[in-house]
Amino acid sequence: RVRAEGVAALAAAGIAHTSPEEEKAERGDLVGQRPVDGEARSGGSTWQSLARGTGSTEVDHLNGEIALLGRLHGVATPVNVAVQRAVRRAVRERTAAGAFPLVELEKMIA
């Protein structure tokens, strides 16, 4: 749902983007998630920021920009807004990466 909103917002704004298939074709096996020191990686950079407890994430630059584009171009982005709020809350409350309750996130989607 997050990605679908992003695709819709980018399209409405006239911003070209690549699909996951196009990215895979371009990058091949050069970019991917691999174990680090024998530990499986569970997520992307936002997840890593939460896991490291850095006190900040890039959620405003990722989901926040999609939400802004949606507002500017008349595209509803309630899931991106909810994710942005949930991640901010997780940072504030020092919630472990992957531990934010899905039921809480669902309640935040307006």
Protein backbone atom coordinates (compact mmCIF):
# COMPACT_ATOMS: atom_id res chain seq x y z
CA ARG A 1 0.00 0.00 0.00
CA VAL A 2 2.89 2.36 0.77
CA ARG A 3 4.46 1.76 -2.63
CA ALA A 4 1.13 2.04 -4.49
CA GLU A 5 0.54 5.45 -2.91
CA GLY A 6 4.07 6.49 -3.85
CA VAL A 7 3.63 5.42 -7.45
CA ALA A 8 0.33 7.31 -7.66
CA ALA A 9 1.78 10.47 -6.11
CA LEU A 10 4.84 10.42 -8.37
CA ALA A 11 2.66 9.87 -11.45
CA ALA A 12 0.37 12.76 -10.49
CA ALA A 13 3.42 15.00 -10.05
CA GLY A 14 4.85 13.91 -13.39
CA ILE A 15 7.96 12.44 -11.76
CA ALA A 16 9.43 9.46 -13.60
CA HIS A 17 10.53 6.51 -11.51
CA THR A 18 11.68 2.96 -12.01
CA SER A 19 9.78 -0.17 -11.11
CA PRO A 20 11.31 -2.87 -8.90
CA GLU A 21 11.69 -4.99 -12.03
CA GLU A 22 13.57 -2.23 -13.86
CA GLU A 23 15.82 -1.69 -10.86
CA LYS A 24 16.58 -5.41 -10.65
CA ALA A 25 17.35 -5.56 -14.37
CA GLU A 26 19.69 -2.56 -14.07
CA ARG A 27 21.47 -3.60 -10.90
CA GLY A 28 21.41 -7.36 -11.18
CA ASP A 29 22.99 -8.84 -8.07
CA LEU A 30 25.11 -5.76 -7.32
CA VAL A 31 22.71 -4.41 -4.70
CA GLY A 32 20.91 -6.55 -2.18
CA GLN A 33 20.54 -7.39 1.46
CA ARG A 34 23.11 -9.84 2.70
CA PRO A 35 24.02 -11.06 6.18
CA VAL A 36 26.42 -8.86 8.13
CA ASP A 37 28.72 -10.73 10.50
CA GLY A 38 26.48 -13.76 10.07
CA GLU A 39 23.33 -11.86 11.07
CA ALA A 40 20.42 -11.55 8.65
CA ARG A 41 19.33 -8.03 7.79
CA SER A 42 15.68 -7.38 8.42
CA GLY A 43 15.07 -4.11 6.65
CA GLY A 44 16.24 -1.03 4.84
CA SER A 45 17.87 2.14 6.04
CA THR A 46 14.95 3.33 8.18
CA TRP A 47 14.87 -0.04 9.95
CA GLN A 48 18.64 0.18 10.45
CA SER A 49 18.34 3.65 12.01
CA LEU A 50 15.75 2.32 14.46
CA ALA A 51 17.83 -0.77 15.19
CA ARG A 52 20.90 1.36 15.91
CA GLY A 53 18.87 3.78 18.03
CA THR A 54 20.30 6.79 16.21
CA GLY A 55 17.47 9.07 17.34
CA SER A 56 16.54 9.98 13.79
CA THR A 57 15.47 8.37 10.54
CA GLU A 58 14.91 9.45 6.96
CA VAL A 59 11.14 8.88 7.17
CA ASP A 60 10.39 12.57 6.57
CA HIS A 61 12.49 12.50 3.40
CA LEU A 62 10.92 9.28 2.12
CA ASN A 63 7.32 8.84 3.24
CA GLY A 64 7.02 12.55 4.06
CA GLU A 65 7.87 13.58 0.51
CA ILE A 66 5.29 11.15 -0.87
CA ALA A 67 2.70 12.60 1.53
CA LEU A 68 3.63 16.13 0.41
CA LEU A 69 3.38 15.24 -3.27
CA GLY A 70 0.02 13.65 -2.56
CA ARG A 71 -1.27 16.82 -0.90
CA LEU A 72 0.05 18.99 -3.73
CA HIS A 73 -1.45 16.82 -6.47
CA GLY A 74 -4.68 15.55 -4.93
CA VAL A 75 -3.55 11.97 -4.24
CA ALA A 76 -4.55 10.36 -0.95
CA THR A 77 -1.51 8.97 0.92
CA PRO A 78 -2.90 7.85 4.29
CA VAL A 79 -0.57 4.87 4.62
CA ASN A 80 2.57 6.94 4.00
CA VAL A 81 1.35 9.52 6.53
CA ALA A 82 0.67 6.76 9.07
CA VAL A 83 4.10 5.21 8.52
CA GLN A 84 5.72 8.61 8.94
CA ARG A 85 3.89 9.17 12.24
CA ALA A 86 4.58 5.62 13.44
CA VAL A 87 8.30 5.88 12.77
CA ARG A 88 8.50 9.28 14.47
CA ARG A 89 6.71 7.75 17.46
CA ALA A 90 9.05 4.74 17.43
CA VAL A 91 12.06 7.07 17.50
CA ARG A 92 10.56 9.15 20.31
CA GLU A 93 9.61 6.13 22.41
CA ARG A 94 12.74 4.17 21.46
CA THR A 95 10.67 1.31 20.09
CA ALA A 96 12.88 -1.46 18.74
CA ALA A 97 13.06 -1.93 14.98
CA GLY A 98 10.24 -4.20 13.88
CA ALA A 99 8.46 -3.96 17.23
CA PHE A 100 5.89 -1.28 16.40
CA PRO A 101 2.51 -3.05 16.65
CA LEU A 102 0.87 -3.49 13.24
CA VAL A 103 -2.53 -3.04 14.85
CA GLU A 104 -1.43 0.42 16.04
CA LEU A 105 -0.24 1.31 12.56
CA GLU A 106 -3.57 0.19 11.09
CA LYS A 107 -5.39 2.46 13.58
CA MET A 108 -3.23 5.41 12.46
CA ILE A 109 -4.33 5.11 8.82
CA ALA A 110 -6.98 7.77 8.33
